[in-house]
Protein backbone atom coordinates (compact mmCIF):
# COMPACT_ATOMS: atom_id res chain seq x y z
CA MET A 1 -12.79 -20.23 -24.73
CA LYS A 2 -13.67 -18.36 -27.93
CA TRP A 3 -9.87 -17.61 -28.41
CA LEU A 4 -9.07 -21.45 -28.55
CA ARG A 5 -11.77 -21.88 -31.36
CA ARG A 6 -10.33 -18.98 -33.34
CA LYS A 7 -6.80 -20.47 -32.84
CA HIS A 8 -7.85 -23.82 -34.06
CA GLU A 9 -9.70 -22.31 -36.96
CA ASP A 10 -6.68 -20.37 -38.02
CA VAL A 11 -4.38 -23.41 -37.95
CA SER A 12 -6.75 -25.49 -39.83
CA ARG A 13 -7.31 -23.06 -42.52
CA PRO A 14 -5.26 -24.08 -45.73
CA ILE A 15 -2.72 -21.39 -46.86
CA ALA A 16 -3.44 -20.50 -50.51
CA PRO A 17 -0.41 -20.75 -53.00
CA GLY A 18 1.79 -17.59 -52.85
CA GLU A 19 0.35 -16.73 -49.46
CA GLU A 20 2.88 -16.26 -46.86
CA PRO A 21 1.81 -17.06 -43.27
CA VAL A 22 1.85 -14.24 -40.79
CA CYS A 23 3.85 -14.59 -37.57
CA GLU A 24 2.89 -12.21 -34.70
CA HIS A 25 6.23 -12.69 -33.10
CA VAL A 26 4.74 -13.19 -29.61
CA VAL A 27 7.07 -15.55 -28.01
CA LEU A 28 10.45 -13.59 -28.19
CA ILE A 29 13.60 -15.40 -26.69
CA PRO A 30 16.25 -13.10 -25.47
CA THR A 31 19.84 -13.79 -26.48
CA TRP A 32 23.11 -12.51 -24.82
CA ASP A 33 26.70 -12.19 -26.28
CA SER A 34 28.25 -13.93 -23.19
CA ALA A 35 27.18 -16.34 -20.72
CA ALA A 36 28.14 -14.17 -17.85
CA ASP A 37 25.38 -11.59 -19.18
CA ILE A 38 22.53 -14.19 -19.13
CA GLY A 39 19.85 -12.86 -16.98
CA ARG A 40 20.58 -9.17 -17.26
CA ASP A 41 18.03 -7.20 -18.99
CA ASP A 42 20.51 -4.25 -19.58
CA ALA A 43 22.84 -6.85 -21.62
CA ILE A 44 20.36 -8.43 -24.00
CA SER A 45 22.05 -8.45 -27.53
CA GLY A 46 18.87 -9.46 -29.39
CA TYR A 47 15.64 -11.57 -29.62
CA ARG A 48 14.76 -14.77 -31.62
CA CYS A 49 11.10 -15.44 -32.50
CA GLU A 50 10.32 -19.04 -31.13
CA SER A 51 7.62 -19.48 -33.71
CA CYS A 52 9.32 -18.51 -37.03
CA GLY A 53 13.04 -18.20 -36.05
CA THR A 54 13.39 -14.66 -37.08
CA HIS A 55 16.07 -12.70 -35.24
CA PHE A 56 15.61 -9.15 -34.01
CA THR A 57 18.12 -6.58 -32.57
CA ALA A 58 17.56 -5.70 -28.81
CA GLU A 59 15.72 -2.45 -29.92
CA GLU A 60 13.43 -4.20 -32.40
CA GLY A 61 12.63 -6.84 -29.76
CA ALA A 62 11.92 -4.28 -27.11
CA ARG A 63 9.49 -2.58 -29.53
CA LEU A 64 7.84 -5.85 -30.21
CA ARG A 65 7.48 -6.71 -26.62
CA ALA A 66 5.96 -3.47 -25.74
CA SER A 67 3.29 -3.84 -28.47
CA GLU A 68 2.77 -7.53 -27.69
CA SER A 69 -0.72 -7.32 -25.92
CA GLU A 70 -2.10 -5.01 -28.49
CA ARG A 71 -1.09 -7.17 -31.44
CA VAL A 72 -2.34 -10.35 -29.77
CA SER A 73 -5.69 -8.55 -29.02
CA ARG A 74 -5.98 -7.53 -32.54
CA ARG A 75 -5.28 -11.00 -33.81
CA ILE A 76 -7.89 -12.50 -31.61
CA ALA A 77 -10.49 -9.85 -32.55
CA SER A 78 -10.13 -10.65 -36.16
């Protein structure tokens, strides 16, 4: 359960003035342009990060999803 302790430590650490929190964009919610396309992977128009609310294009979201496990592993190891 080492990762839980690290997560708790990260959350409880105060953010210094002028320091921006870093979002790993791990939870990406797909968006579609029409209701008829919902559920079709080939019709995804973009992604929204559930944590910080940033919107990404379909290409950016696909890139982030492909590197997700690497980014999470790097974050846990630090």
